[in-house]
Amino acid sequence: MDEVVMTNAQVSDALNRYLSQASAMLSMIYRGGIENFDECSSEVRGNYLWACADVVGKAHALVKQINS
């Protein structure tokens, strides 16, 4: 599979999008109260945290791209 080359503006936009998504997702736990999160099933909590980690991983990959 060919590697997709992104312009600096595209990398910046994607990084901003991923960080905004991660912030919103984690704010739901922090501001909404951990009690609400704890009331979810272990499957839902696991999937939610997996999604958070995935978004942060994508942002981290873009930072690596910027620094290479």
PDB file of N, CA and C in Angstrom:
ATOM      1  N   MET A   1       0.844  -1.180   0.000  1.00  0.00           N
ATOM      2  CA  MET A   1       0.000   0.000   0.000  1.00  0.00           C
ATOM      3  C   MET A   1       0.885   1.238   0.000  1.00  0.00           C
ATOM      4  N   ASP A   2       0.553   2.219  -0.819  1.00  0.00           N
ATOM      5  CA  ASP A   2       1.331   3.438  -0.917  1.00  0.00           C
ATOM      6  C   ASP A   2       1.129   4.308   0.306  1.00  0.00           C
ATOM      7  N   GLU A   3       2.222   4.948   0.729  1.00  0.00           N
ATOM      8  CA  GLU A   3       2.160   5.866   1.858  1.00  0.00           C
ATOM      9  C   GLU A   3       1.535   7.174   1.394  1.00  0.00           C
ATOM     10  N   VAL A   4       0.625   7.693   2.179  1.00  0.00           N
ATOM     11  CA  VAL A   4      -0.025   8.959   1.863  1.00  0.00           C
ATOM     12  C   VAL A   4       0.845  10.089   2.383  1.00  0.00           C
ATOM     13  N   VAL A   5       1.184  11.008   1.501  1.00  0.00           N
ATOM     14  CA  VAL A   5       1.988  12.158   1.881  1.00  0.00           C
ATOM     15  C   VAL A   5       1.043  13.320   2.144  1.00  0.00           C
ATOM     16  N   MET A   6       1.185  13.887   3.330  1.00  0.00           N
ATOM     17  CA  MET A   6       0.309  14.995   3.724  1.00  0.00           C
ATOM     18  C   MET A   6       1.113  16.287   3.742  1.00  0.00           C
ATOM     19  N   THR A   7       0.461  17.378   3.365  1.00  0.00           N
ATOM     20  CA  THR A   7       1.094  18.685   3.471  1.00  0.00           C
ATOM     21  C   THR A   7       1.160  19.073   4.950  1.00  0.00           C
ATOM     22  N   ASN A   8       1.964  20.065   5.262  1.00  0.00           N
ATOM     23  CA  ASN A   8       2.050  20.548   6.642  1.00  0.00           C
ATOM     24  C   ASN A   8       0.690  21.015   7.145  1.00  0.00           C
ATOM     25  N   ALA A   9      -0.071  21.660   6.280  1.00  0.00           N
ATOM     26  CA  ALA A   9      -1.401  22.141   6.677  1.00  0.00           C
ATOM     27  C   ALA A   9      -2.327  20.965   6.980  1.00  0.00           C
ATOM     28  N   GLN A  10      -2.249  19.907   6.171  1.00  0.00           N
ATOM     29  CA  GLN A  10      -3.083  18.727   6.408  1.00  0.00           C
ATOM     30  C   GLN A  10      -2.690  18.019   7.709  1.00  0.00           C
ATOM     31  N   VAL A  11      -1.391  17.938   7.966  1.00  0.00           N
ATOM     32  CA  VAL A  11      -0.923  17.329   9.214  1.00  0.00           C
ATOM     33  C   VAL A  11      -1.407  18.148  10.397  1.00  0.00           C
ATOM     34  N   SER A  12      -1.281  19.457  10.294  1.00  0.00           N
ATOM     35  CA  SER A  12      -1.726  20.346  11.371  1.00  0.00           C
ATOM     36  C   SER A  12      -3.224  20.203  11.619  1.00  0.00           C
ATOM     37  N   ASP A  13      -4.008  20.174  10.549  1.00  0.00           N
ATOM     38  CA  ASP A  13      -5.459  20.013  10.675  1.00  0.00           C
ATOM     39  C   ASP A  13      -5.816  18.676  11.312  1.00  0.00           C
ATOM     40  N   ALA A  14      -5.158  17.604  10.873  1.00  0.00           N
ATOM     41  CA  ALA A  14      -5.440  16.277  11.416  1.00  0.00           C
ATOM     42  C   ALA A  14      -5.037  16.198  12.882  1.00  0.00           C
ATOM     43  N   LEU A  15      -3.882  16.747  13.216  1.00  0.00           N
ATOM     44  CA  LEU A  15      -3.424  16.742  14.600  1.00  0.00           C
ATOM     45  C   LEU A  15      -4.399  17.512  15.488  1.00  0.00           C
ATOM     46  N   ASN A  16      -4.840  18.657  15.030  1.00  0.00           N
ATOM     47  CA  ASN A  16      -5.815  19.443  15.777  1.00  0.00           C
ATOM     48  C   ASN A  16      -7.120  18.671  15.953  1.00  0.00           C
ATOM     49  N   ARG A  17      -7.553  17.984  14.906  1.00  0.00           N
ATOM     50  CA  ARG A  17      -8.791  17.204  14.966  1.00  0.00           C
ATOM     51  C   ARG A  17      -8.669  16.077  15.987  1.00  0.00           C
ATOM     52  N   TYR A  18      -7.568  15.324  15.929  1.00  0.00           N
ATOM     53  CA  TYR A  18      -7.391  14.206  16.852  1.00  0.00           C
ATOM     54  C   TYR A  18      -7.291  14.683  18.301  1.00  0.00           C
ATOM     55  N   LEU A  19      -6.559  15.769  18.528  1.00  0.00           N
ATOM     56  CA  LEU A  19      -6.434  16.273  19.894  1.00  0.00           C
ATOM     57  C   LEU A  19      -7.759  16.834  20.402  1.00  0.00           C
ATOM     58  N   SER A  20      -8.530  17.459  19.539  1.00  0.00           N
ATOM     59  CA  SER A  20      -9.859  17.951  19.924  1.00  0.00           C
ATOM     60  C   SER A  20     -10.783  16.791  20.275  1.00  0.00           C
ATOM     61  N   GLN A  21     -10.711  15.717  19.481  1.00  0.00           N
ATOM     62  CA  GLN A  21     -11.534  14.539  19.761  1.00  0.00           C
ATOM     63  C   GLN A  21     -11.141  13.910  21.094  1.00  0.00           C
ATOM     64  N   ALA A  22      -9.847  13.753  21.325  1.00  0.00           N
ATOM     65  CA  ALA A  22      -9.382  13.159  22.581  1.00  0.00           C
ATOM     66  C   ALA A  22      -9.796  14.014  23.772  1.00  0.00           C
ATOM     67  N   SER A  23      -9.666  15.315  23.643  1.00  0.00           N
ATOM     68  CA  SER A  23     -10.066  16.220  24.717  1.00  0.00           C
ATOM     69  C   SER A  23     -11.549  16.093  25.026  1.00  0.00           C
ATOM     70  N   ALA A  24     -12.360  16.058  23.988  1.00  0.00           N
ATOM     71  CA  ALA A  24     -13.817  15.927  24.184  1.00  0.00           C
ATOM     72  C   ALA A  24     -14.161  14.590  24.824  1.00  0.00           C
ATOM     73  N   MET A  25     -13.518  13.532  24.359  1.00  0.00           N
ATOM     74  CA  MET A  25     -13.809  12.201  24.899  1.00  0.00           C
ATOM     75  C   MET A  25     -13.433  12.112  26.378  1.00  0.00           C
ATOM     76  N   LEU A  26     -12.263  12.612  26.712  1.00  0.00           N
ATOM     77  CA  LEU A  26     -11.826  12.533  28.106  1.00  0.00           C
ATOM     78  C   LEU A  26     -12.584  13.501  29.006  1.00  0.00           C
ATOM     79  N   SER A  27     -13.049  14.611  28.442  1.00  0.00           N
ATOM     80  CA  SER A  27     -13.876  15.544  29.213  1.00  0.00           C
ATOM     81  C   SER A  27     -15.193  14.913  29.620  1.00  0.00           C
ATOM     82  N   MET A  28     -15.696  14.000  28.800  1.00  0.00           N
ATOM     83  CA  MET A  28     -16.951  13.320  29.139  1.00  0.00           C
ATOM     84  C   MET A  28     -16.806  12.542  30.446  1.00  0.00           C
ATOM     85  N   ILE A  29     -15.630  11.984  30.677  1.00  0.00           N
ATOM     86  CA  ILE A  29     -15.386  11.255  31.921  1.00  0.00           C
ATOM     87  C   ILE A  29     -15.096  12.237  33.051  1.00  0.00           C
ATOM     88  N   TYR A  30     -14.193  13.163  32.791  1.00  0.00           N
ATOM     89  CA  TYR A  30     -13.742  14.091  33.827  1.00  0.00           C
ATOM     90  C   TYR A  30     -14.868  15.012  34.287  1.00  0.00           C
ATOM     91  N   ARG A  31     -15.518  15.665  33.350  1.00  0.00           N
ATOM     92  CA  ARG A  31     -16.568  16.628  33.699  1.00  0.00           C
ATOM     93  C   ARG A  31     -17.895  15.954  34.006  1.00  0.00           C
ATOM     94  N   GLY A  32     -18.144  14.832  33.330  1.00  0.00           N
ATOM     95  CA  GLY A  32     -19.400  14.120  33.542  1.00  0.00           C
ATOM     96  C   GLY A  32     -19.410  13.309  34.823  1.00  0.00           C
ATOM     97  N   GLY A  33     -18.246  13.127  35.379  1.00  0.00           N
ATOM     98  CA  GLY A  33     -18.142  12.368  36.616  1.00  0.00           C
ATOM     99  C   GLY A  33     -17.782  10.926  36.343  1.00  0.00           C
ATOM    100  N   ILE A  34     -16.784  10.470  37.036  1.00  0.00           N
ATOM    101  CA  ILE A  34     -16.322   9.102  36.859  1.00  0.00           C
ATOM    102  C   ILE A  34     -17.404   8.106  37.250  1.00  0.00           C
ATOM    103  N   GLU A  35     -18.326   8.532  38.098  1.00  0.00           N
ATOM    104  CA  GLU A  35     -19.396   7.633  38.524  1.00  0.00           C
ATOM    105  C   GLU A  35     -20.244   7.196  37.335  1.00  0.00           C
ATOM    106  N   ASN A  36     -20.549   8.126  36.438  1.00  0.00           N
ATOM    107  CA  ASN A  36     -21.325   7.784  35.244  1.00  0.00           C
ATOM    108  C   ASN A  36     -20.575   6.785  34.378  1.00  0.00           C
ATOM    109  N   PHE A  37     -19.285   6.985  34.252  1.00  0.00           N
ATOM    110  CA  PHE A  37     -18.462   6.067  33.467  1.00  0.00           C
ATOM    111  C   PHE A  37     -18.436   4.687  34.121  1.00  0.00           C
ATOM    112  N   ASP A  38     -18.290   4.678  35.432  1.00  0.00           N
ATOM    113  CA  ASP A  38     -18.244   3.410  36.166  1.00  0.00           C
ATOM    114  C   ASP A  38     -19.545   2.623  36.060  1.00  0.00           C
ATOM    115  N   GLU A  39     -20.649   3.308  35.799  1.00  0.00           N
ATOM    116  CA  GLU A  39     -21.943   2.631  35.674  1.00  0.00           C
ATOM    117  C   GLU A  39     -22.081   1.895  34.339  1.00  0.00           C
ATOM    118  N   CYS A  40     -21.236   2.215  33.388  1.00  0.00           N
ATOM    119  CA  CYS A  40     -21.273   1.527  32.094  1.00  0.00           C
ATOM    120  C   CYS A  40     -20.708   0.116  32.258  1.00  0.00           C
ATOM    121  N   SER A  41     -21.080  -0.746  31.347  1.00  0.00           N
ATOM    122  CA  SER A  41     -20.558  -2.113  31.393  1.00  0.00           C
ATOM    123  C   SER A  41     -19.052  -2.093  31.139  1.00  0.00           C
ATOM    124  N   SER A  42     -18.384  -3.152  31.560  1.00  0.00           N
ATOM    125  CA  SER A  42     -16.940  -3.229  31.352  1.00  0.00           C
ATOM    126  C   SER A  42     -16.611  -3.227  29.855  1.00  0.00           C
ATOM    127  N   GLU A  43     -17.495  -3.804  29.033  1.00  0.00           N
ATOM    128  CA  GLU A  43     -17.275  -3.789  27.585  1.00  0.00           C
ATOM    129  C   GLU A  43     -17.331  -2.364  27.040  1.00  0.00           C
ATOM    130  N   VAL A  44     -18.320  -1.596  27.464  1.00  0.00           N
ATOM    131  CA  VAL A  44     -18.447  -0.211  26.999  1.00  0.00           C
ATOM    132  C   VAL A  44     -17.254   0.614  27.477  1.00  0.00           C
ATOM    133  N   ARG A  45     -16.873   0.459  28.744  1.00  0.00           N
ATOM    134  CA  ARG A  45     -15.719   1.206  29.275  1.00  0.00           C
ATOM    135  C   ARG A  45     -14.451   0.838  28.500  1.00  0.00           C
ATOM    136  N   GLY A  46     -14.268  -0.442  28.249  1.00  0.00           N
ATOM    137  CA  GLY A  46     -13.088  -0.876  27.509  1.00  0.00           C
ATOM    138  C   GLY A  46     -13.053  -0.330  26.098  1.00  0.00           C
ATOM    139  N   ASN A  47     -14.179  -0.379  25.415  1.00  0.00           N
ATOM    140  CA  ASN A  47     -14.246   0.156  24.052  1.00  0.00           C
ATOM    141  C   ASN A  47     -14.029   1.663  24.023  1.00  0.00           C
ATOM    142  N   TYR A  48     -14.572   2.361  25.014  1.00  0.00           N
ATOM    143  CA  TYR A  48     -14.412   3.812  25.096  1.00  0.00           C
ATOM    144  C   TYR A  48     -12.937   4.172  25.287  1.00  0.00           C
ATOM    145  N   LEU A  49     -12.289   3.495  26.223  1.00  0.00           N
ATOM    146  CA  LEU A  49     -10.878   3.775  26.470  1.00  0.00           C
ATOM    147  C   LEU A  49     -10.019   3.355  25.286  1.00  0.00           C
ATOM    148  N   TRP A  50     -10.395   2.291  24.604  1.00  0.00           N
ATOM    149  CA  TRP A  50      -9.689   1.865  23.395  1.00  0.00           C
ATOM    150  C   TRP A  50      -9.788   2.964  22.339  1.00  0.00           C
ATOM    151  N   ALA A  51     -10.977   3.528  22.170  1.00  0.00           N
ATOM    152  CA  ALA A  51     -11.170   4.614  21.196  1.00  0.00           C
ATOM    153  C   ALA A  51     -10.330   5.833  21.576  1.00  0.00           C
ATOM    154  N   CYS A  52     -10.283   6.162  22.862  1.00  0.00           N
ATOM    155  CA  CYS A  52      -9.446   7.281  23.317  1.00  0.00           C
ATOM    156  C   CYS A  52      -7.984   7.022  22.975  1.00  0.00           C
ATOM    157  N   ALA A  53      -7.512   5.822  23.288  1.00  0.00           N
ATOM    158  CA  ALA A  53      -6.123   5.472  23.007  1.00  0.00           C
ATOM    159  C   ALA A  53      -5.839   5.497  21.510  1.00  0.00           C
ATOM    160  N   ASP A  54      -6.784   5.074  20.704  1.00  0.00           N
ATOM    161  CA  ASP A  54      -6.620   5.074  19.253  1.00  0.00           C
ATOM    162  C   ASP A  54      -6.462   6.499  18.726  1.00  0.00           C
ATOM    163  N   VAL A  55      -7.287   7.405  19.202  1.00  0.00           N
ATOM    164  CA  VAL A  55      -7.219   8.800  18.756  1.00  0.00           C
ATOM    165  C   VAL A  55      -5.883   9.425  19.174  1.00  0.00           C
ATOM    166  N   VAL A  56      -5.474   9.179  20.410  1.00  0.00           N
ATOM    167  CA  VAL A  56      -4.195   9.720  20.881  1.00  0.00           C
ATOM    168  C   VAL A  56      -3.037   9.090  20.108  1.00  0.00           C
ATOM    169  N   GLY A  57      -3.137   7.811  19.796  1.00  0.00           N
ATOM    170  CA  GLY A  57      -2.108   7.155  18.989  1.00  0.00           C
ATOM    171  C   GLY A  57      -1.968   7.775  17.612  1.00  0.00           C
ATOM    172  N   LYS A  58      -3.089   8.131  17.004  1.00  0.00           N
ATOM    173  CA  LYS A  58      -3.055   8.795  15.692  1.00  0.00           C
ATOM    174  C   LYS A  58      -2.384  10.163  15.797  1.00  0.00           C
ATOM    175  N   ALA A  59      -2.689  10.885  16.854  1.00  0.00           N
ATOM    176  CA  ALA A  59      -2.057  12.197  17.062  1.00  0.00           C
ATOM    177  C   ALA A  59      -0.555  12.018  17.280  1.00  0.00           C
ATOM    178  N   HIS A  60      -0.184  11.021  18.049  1.00  0.00           N
ATOM    179  CA  HIS A  60       1.232  10.753  18.313  1.00  0.00           C
ATOM    180  C   HIS A  60       1.961  10.409  17.019  1.00  0.00           C
ATOM    181  N   ALA A  61       1.345   9.637  16.160  1.00  0.00           N
ATOM    182  CA  ALA A  61       1.954   9.278  14.876  1.00  0.00           C
ATOM    183  C   ALA A  61       2.196  10.527  14.023  1.00  0.00           C
ATOM    184  N   LEU A  62       1.267  11.467  14.077  1.00  0.00           N
ATOM    185  CA  LEU A  62       1.454  12.714  13.323  1.00  0.00           C
ATOM    186  C   LEU A  62       2.601  13.541  13.889  1.00  0.00           C
ATOM    187  N   VAL A  63       2.754  13.553  15.195  1.00  0.00           N
ATOM    188  CA  VAL A  63       3.882  14.271  15.817  1.00  0.00           C
ATOM    189  C   VAL A  63       5.194  13.634  15.364  1.00  0.00           C
ATOM    190  N   LYS A  64       5.239  12.315  15.313  1.00  0.00           N
ATOM    191  CA  LYS A  64       6.444  11.633  14.825  1.00  0.00           C
ATOM    192  C   LYS A  64       6.734  12.033  13.380  1.00  0.00           C
ATOM    193  N   GLN A  65       5.662  12.142  12.576  1.00  0.00           N
ATOM    194  CA  GLN A  65       5.821  12.525  11.167  1.00  0.00           C
ATOM    195  C   GLN A  65       6.393  13.938  11.078  1.00  0.00           C
ATOM    196  N   ILE A  66       5.915  14.824  11.928  1.00  0.00           N
ATOM    197  CA  ILE A  66       6.405  16.209  11.918  1.00  0.00           C
ATOM    198  C   ILE A  66       7.874  16.250  12.294  1.00  0.00           C
ATOM    199  N   ASN A  67       8.252  15.430  13.267  1.00  0.00           N
ATOM    200  CA  ASN A  67       9.634  15.456  13.780  1.00  0.00           C
ATOM    201  C   ASN A  67      10.626  14.648  12.955  1.00  0.00           C
ATOM    202  N   SER A  68      10.139  13.974  11.907  1.00  0.00           N
ATOM    203  CA  SER A  68      11.088  13.158  11.114  1.00  0.00           C
ATOM    204  C   SER A  68      11.573  13.896   9.885  1.00  0.00           C
TER     205      SER A  68
END
